[in-house]
C-alpha atoms as a PDB file:
ATOM      1  CA  MET A   1      83.721  99.082 -65.819  1.00  0.00           C
ATOM      2  CA  LYS A   2      86.836  99.849 -67.871  1.00  0.00           C
ATOM      3  CA  LYS A   3      89.057  98.344 -65.134  1.00  0.00           C
ATOM      4  CA  ILE A   4      87.003  95.139 -65.048  1.00  0.00           C
ATOM      5  CA  THR A   5      87.196  94.763 -68.828  1.00  0.00           C
ATOM      6  CA  THR A   6      90.957  95.345 -68.760  1.00  0.00           C
ATOM      7  CA  LEU A   7      91.320  92.798 -65.947  1.00  0.00           C
ATOM      8  CA  LEU A   8      89.256  90.200 -67.838  1.00  0.00           C
ATOM      9  CA  ILE A   9      91.315  90.690 -70.993  1.00  0.00           C
ATOM     10  CA  ALA A  10      94.563  90.329 -69.008  1.00  0.00           C
ATOM     11  CA  VAL A  11      93.299  87.136 -67.323  1.00  0.00           C
ATOM     12  CA  PHE A  12      92.194  85.717 -70.694  1.00  0.00           C
ATOM     13  CA  PHE A  13      95.576  86.286 -72.359  1.00  0.00           C
ATOM     14  CA  THR A  14      97.436  84.961 -69.325  1.00  0.00           C
ATOM     15  CA  ALA A  15      95.322  81.786 -69.377  1.00  0.00           C
ATOM     16  CA  LEU A  16      95.867  81.483 -73.119  1.00  0.00           C
ATOM     17  CA  SER A  17      99.651  81.720 -72.753  1.00  0.00           C
ATOM     18  CA  PHE A  18      99.626  79.048 -70.024  1.00  0.00           C
ATOM     19  CA  ALA A  19      97.477  76.801 -72.210  1.00  0.00           C
ATOM     20  CA  GLN A  20      99.980  77.116 -75.053  1.00  0.00           C
ATOM     21  CA  ASP A  21     102.874  76.296 -72.720  1.00  0.00           C
ATOM     22  CA  ALA A  22     101.212  73.168 -71.301  1.00  0.00           C
ATOM     23  CA  TRP A  23     103.342  70.355 -72.683  1.00  0.00           C
ATOM     24  CA  LYS A  24     101.837  66.895 -73.106  1.00  0.00           C
ATOM     25  CA  THR A  25     103.262  63.735 -71.564  1.00  0.00           C
ATOM     26  CA  VAL A  26     103.717  61.194 -74.348  1.00  0.00           C
ATOM     27  CA  GLN A  27     104.005  57.442 -73.804  1.00  0.00           C
ATOM     28  CA  VAL A  28     106.951  56.362 -75.960  1.00  0.00           C
ATOM     29  CA  MET A  29     106.826  52.714 -74.948  1.00  0.00           C
ATOM     30  CA  ASP A  30     106.070  50.718 -71.832  1.00  0.00           C
ATOM     31  CA  LYS A  31     107.430  52.737 -68.875  1.00  0.00           C
ATOM     32  CA  VAL A  32     109.157  55.379 -71.065  1.00  0.00           C
ATOM     33  CA  THR A  33     107.668  58.883 -71.343  1.00  0.00           C
ATOM     34  CA  VAL A  34     108.692  62.286 -72.643  1.00  0.00           C
ATOM     35  CA  GLN A  35     107.001  65.681 -72.770  1.00  0.00           C
ATOM     36  CA  MET A  36     106.276  67.383 -76.079  1.00  0.00           C
ATOM     37  CA  PRO A  37     104.644  70.740 -76.888  1.00  0.00           C
ATOM     38  CA  GLN A  38     101.659  68.939 -78.421  1.00  0.00           C
ATOM     39  CA  ILE A  39     100.394  65.420 -79.025  1.00  0.00           C
ATOM     40  CA  PRO A  40     102.693  64.004 -81.723  1.00  0.00           C
ATOM     41  CA  ILE A  41     101.623  62.426 -84.990  1.00  0.00           C
ATOM     42  CA  LYS A  42     102.506  58.752 -85.368  1.00  0.00           C
ATOM     43  CA  GLU A  43     104.418  58.048 -88.567  1.00  0.00           C
ATOM     44  CA  ASN A  44     106.188  55.137 -90.201  1.00  0.00           C
ATOM     45  CA  ARG A  45     109.324  56.100 -92.133  1.00  0.00           C
ATOM     46  CA  ALA A  46     111.319  53.359 -93.830  1.00  0.00           C
ATOM     47  CA  GLY A  47     109.785  50.751 -91.534  1.00  0.00           C
ATOM     48  CA  GLN A  48     110.461  52.706 -88.334  1.00  0.00           C
ATOM     49  CA  ASN A  49     107.560  53.772 -86.129  1.00  0.00           C
ATOM     50  CA  MET A  50     108.026  57.234 -84.709  1.00  0.00           C
ATOM     51  CA  GLN A  51     106.136  60.071 -83.062  1.00  0.00           C
ATOM     52  CA  VAL A  52     106.706  63.561 -84.490  1.00  0.00           C
ATOM     53  CA  CYS A  53     105.520  67.071 -83.652  1.00  0.00           C
ATOM     54  CA  LYS A  54     106.492  70.615 -84.614  1.00  0.00           C
ATOM     55  CA  SER A  55     106.783  73.422 -82.125  1.00  0.00           C
ATOM     56  CA  ALA A  56     105.629  76.990 -82.680  1.00  0.00           C
ATOM     57  CA  ASP A  57     109.005  78.052 -84.156  1.00  0.00           C
ATOM     58  CA  SER A  58     109.046  75.088 -86.606  1.00  0.00           C
ATOM     59  CA  SER A  59     111.470  72.982 -84.556  1.00  0.00           C
ATOM     60  CA  VAL A  60     110.820  69.271 -84.985  1.00  0.00           C
ATOM     61  CA  LEU A  61     110.679  66.921 -81.997  1.00  0.00           C
ATOM     62  CA  MET A  62     110.731  63.210 -82.761  1.00  0.00           C
ATOM     63  CA  VAL A  63     110.896  59.943 -80.831  1.00  0.00           C
ATOM     64  CA  MET A  64     111.530  56.434 -82.111  1.00  0.00           C
ATOM     65  CA  SER A  65     112.664  53.133 -80.664  1.00  0.00           C
ATOM     66  CA  ILE A  66     114.667  50.298 -82.149  1.00  0.00           C
ATOM     67  CA  ASP A  67     114.414  46.749 -80.808  1.00  0.00           C
ATOM     68  CA  PHE A  68     117.800  44.998 -80.908  1.00  0.00           C
ATOM     69  CA  THR A  69     116.404  41.459 -80.418  1.00  0.00           C
ATOM     70  CA  PRO A  70     116.045  40.875 -84.195  1.00  0.00           C
ATOM     71  CA  PHE A  71     119.832  41.472 -84.354  1.00  0.00           C
ATOM     72  CA  GLY A  72     120.374  38.704 -81.779  1.00  0.00           C
ATOM     73  CA  LEU A  73     120.922  41.034 -78.807  1.00  0.00           C
ATOM     74  CA  ASP A  74     118.912  40.558 -75.640  1.00  0.00           C
ATOM     75  CA  GLU A  75     118.820  42.967 -72.706  1.00  0.00           C
ATOM     76  CA  ASN A  76     121.897  41.496 -70.975  1.00  0.00           C
ATOM     77  CA  MET A  77     124.004  41.415 -74.123  1.00  0.00           C
ATOM     78  CA  LEU A  78     123.070  44.971 -75.094  1.00  0.00           C
ATOM     79  CA  SER A  79     123.710  46.354 -71.611  1.00  0.00           C
ATOM     80  CA  SER A  80     127.209  44.836 -71.599  1.00  0.00           C
ATOM     81  CA  MET A  81     128.024  46.176 -75.085  1.00  0.00           C
ATOM     82  CA  VAL A  82     126.668  49.746 -74.825  1.00  0.00           C
ATOM     83  CA  PRO A  83     129.439  51.120 -72.560  1.00  0.00           C
ATOM     84  CA  THR A  84     132.241  49.798 -74.803  1.00  0.00           C
ATOM     85  CA  GLN A  85     134.106  52.038 -77.234  1.00  0.00           C
ATOM     86  CA  GLU A  86     133.701  49.450 -79.993  1.00  0.00           C
ATOM     87  CA  PHE A  87     129.894  49.582 -79.744  1.00  0.00           C
ATOM     88  CA  LYS A  88     129.916  53.397 -79.545  1.00  0.00           C
ATOM     89  CA  ASP A  89     131.988  53.545 -82.737  1.00  0.00           C
ATOM     90  CA  GLN A  90     129.726  51.058 -84.551  1.00  0.00           C
ATOM     91  CA  PHE A  91     126.605  52.914 -83.434  1.00  0.00           C
ATOM     92  CA  LYS A  92     127.996  56.267 -84.577  1.00  0.00           C
ATOM     93  CA  GLY A  93     129.179  54.811 -87.890  1.00  0.00           C
ATOM     94  CA  GLY A  94     125.747  53.330 -88.599  1.00  0.00           C
ATOM     95  CA  MET A  95     124.029  56.581 -87.703  1.00  0.00           C
ATOM     96  CA  VAL A  96     126.316  58.782 -89.823  1.00  0.00           C
ATOM     97  CA  GLY A  97     125.931  56.373 -92.725  1.00  0.00           C
ATOM     98  CA  LYS A  98     122.181  57.024 -92.727  1.00  0.00           C
ATOM     99  CA  MET A  99     122.598  60.828 -92.687  1.00  0.00           C
ATOM    100  CA  PRO A 100     124.324  62.032 -95.844  1.00  0.00           C
ATOM    101  CA  ASN A 101     125.808  65.547 -95.785  1.00  0.00           C
ATOM    102  CA  SER A 102     126.055  65.528 -92.001  1.00  0.00           C
ATOM    103  CA  THR A 103     128.829  66.252 -89.522  1.00  0.00           C
ATOM    104  CA  ILE A 104     128.935  65.327 -85.845  1.00  0.00           C
ATOM    105  CA  LEU A 105     129.819  68.538 -84.009  1.00  0.00           C
ATOM    106  CA  ASP A 106     129.747  67.106 -80.495  1.00  0.00           C
ATOM    107  CA  GLU A 107     129.252  63.785 -78.753  1.00  0.00           C
ATOM    108  CA  SER A 108     129.051  62.757 -75.137  1.00  0.00           C
ATOM    109  CA  PHE A 109     128.017  59.793 -73.060  1.00  0.00           C
ATOM    110  CA  SER A 110     126.071  59.928 -69.825  1.00  0.00           C
ATOM    111  CA  MET A 111     123.529  58.123 -67.673  1.00  0.00           C
ATOM    112  CA  LEU A 112     119.798  58.721 -67.273  1.00  0.00           C
ATOM    113  CA  GLN A 113     118.512  58.289 -63.734  1.00  0.00           C
ATOM    114  CA  ASP A 114     121.930  56.787 -62.804  1.00  0.00           C
ATOM    115  CA  LYS A 115     120.861  53.565 -64.527  1.00  0.00           C
ATOM    116  CA  TYR A 116     120.473  53.863 -68.307  1.00  0.00           C
ATOM    117  CA  HIS A 117     123.289  54.595 -70.757  1.00  0.00           C
ATOM    118  CA  VAL A 118     122.802  57.647 -72.978  1.00  0.00           C
ATOM    119  CA  TYR A 119     124.594  58.680 -76.165  1.00  0.00           C
ATOM    120  CA  ASN A 120     124.264  62.407 -76.998  1.00  0.00           C
ATOM    121  CA  TYR A 121     125.123  63.905 -80.383  1.00  0.00           C
ATOM    122  CA  THR A 122     124.941  67.355 -81.945  1.00  0.00           C
ATOM    123  CA  ILE A 123     124.785  66.986 -85.706  1.00  0.00           C
ATOM    124  CA  GLU A 124     124.885  69.572 -88.463  1.00  0.00           C
ATOM    125  CA  MET A 125     123.212  68.599 -91.729  1.00  0.00           C
ATOM    126  CA  SER A 126     123.208  70.388 -95.054  1.00  0.00           C
ATOM    127  CA  LYS A 127     119.952  70.369 -96.955  1.00  0.00           C
ATOM    128  CA  ASP A 128     119.154  72.571 -99.944  1.00  0.00           C
ATOM    129  CA  ALA A 129     122.177  74.813 -99.201  1.00  0.00           C
ATOM    130  CA  LYS A 130     120.850  75.345 -95.682  1.00  0.00           C
ATOM    131  CA  LYS A 131     122.537  74.152 -92.510  1.00  0.00           C
ATOM    132  CA  ILE A 132     120.280  72.433 -89.976  1.00  0.00           C
ATOM    133  CA  LYS A 133     121.325  71.570 -86.434  1.00  0.00           C
ATOM    134  CA  MET A 134     119.925  68.421 -84.843  1.00  0.00           C
ATOM    135  CA  TYR A 135     120.386  67.096 -81.327  1.00  0.00           C
ATOM    136  CA  LEU A 136     120.071  63.374 -80.652  1.00  0.00           C
ATOM    137  CA  MET A 137     119.734  61.701 -77.276  1.00  0.00           C
ATOM    138  CA  THR A 138     119.685  57.893 -77.433  1.00  0.00           C
ATOM    139  CA  VAL A 139     118.728  56.050 -74.257  1.00  0.00           C
ATOM    140  CA  PHE A 140     119.398  52.318 -73.994  1.00  0.00           C
ATOM    141  CA  TYR A 141     116.565  50.590 -72.130  1.00  0.00           C
ATOM    142  CA  LYS A 142     116.175  46.814 -71.916  1.00  0.00           C
ATOM    143  CA  SER A 143     116.770  45.528 -75.475  1.00  0.00           C
ATOM    144  CA  TYR A 144     115.901  48.898 -77.076  1.00  0.00           C
ATOM    145  CA  SER A 145     117.512  52.135 -78.048  1.00  0.00           C
ATOM    146  CA  VAL A 146     115.034  54.969 -77.666  1.00  0.00           C
ATOM    147  CA  ALA A 147     116.053  57.984 -79.747  1.00  0.00           C
ATOM    148  CA  PHE A 148     114.887  61.517 -78.989  1.00  0.00           C
ATOM    149  CA  TYR A 149     115.560  63.988 -81.825  1.00  0.00           C
ATOM    150  CA  TYR A 150     115.308  67.754 -81.648  1.00  0.00           C
ATOM    151  CA  THR A 151     115.873  69.633 -84.903  1.00  0.00           C
ATOM    152  CA  GLU A 152     116.129  73.409 -84.633  1.00  0.00           C
ATOM    153  CA  GLY A 153     113.527  75.479 -86.419  1.00  0.00           C
ATOM    154  CA  GLU A 154     113.825  79.038 -87.644  1.00  0.00           C
ATOM    155  CA  LYS A 155     115.702  80.071 -84.514  1.00  0.00           C
ATOM    156  CA  ALA A 156     117.528  78.138 -81.834  1.00  0.00           C
ATOM    157  CA  ASN A 157     115.391  77.553 -78.754  1.00  0.00           C
ATOM    158  CA  LYS A 158     117.679  76.142 -76.069  1.00  0.00           C
ATOM    159  CA  ALA A 159     114.975  76.228 -73.375  1.00  0.00           C
ATOM    160  CA  GLU A 160     112.617  74.131 -75.496  1.00  0.00           C
ATOM    161  CA  LYS A 161     115.358  71.635 -76.411  1.00  0.00           C
ATOM    162  CA  ASP A 162     116.448  71.313 -72.778  1.00  0.00           C
ATOM    163  CA  LYS A 163     112.857  70.867 -71.592  1.00  0.00           C
ATOM    164  CA  PHE A 164     112.309  68.099 -74.141  1.00  0.00           C
ATOM    165  CA  PHE A 165     115.448  66.159 -73.234  1.00  0.00           C
ATOM    166  CA  SER A 166     115.156  66.656 -69.462  1.00  0.00           C
ATOM    167  CA  SER A 167     111.572  65.354 -69.484  1.00  0.00           C
ATOM    168  CA  VAL A 168     112.600  61.820 -70.533  1.00  0.00           C
ATOM    169  CA  LYS A 169     111.574  59.407 -67.771  1.00  0.00           C
ATOM    170  CA  ILE A 170     111.716  55.662 -67.285  1.00  0.00           C
ATOM    171  CA  VAL A 171     109.589  54.224 -64.498  1.00  0.00           C
ATOM    172  CA  ASP A 172     110.700  50.714 -63.491  1.00  0.00           C
END
């Protein structure tokens, strides 16, 4: 009887750990998805719609999209501008301007699914005498930039950050 009870307890805790690790697929916008540790809360900050969730270690995962058509850029115009150094510099300048007390530690440019341009940044921000590290992956899709933010919590969790960013999918 003792062995059966021990086995049931082990099965219960194993199932519980799998349940906690089951990430949710989140629809960011038409045909764009990402996985997050839980269903995010929809928020509106300064006129921007975003989806935000916190992980178990207090890391913050956030997604938001910006439509460039109000700025006069359609899909073709944006796709021709995104790979240029001039656009990269303007994008970075606008982003840094909105993040006081921040420093870009690293930046790189890549492609998602061999089709969509991606800007990657590692940013260190100072807030209340505390340094916070944030990772930003911006994917350019149609006339949008879709930004995926991962802000480290109490301890760096590279596996969680990598899982979040590698789960971004666009289904055309």
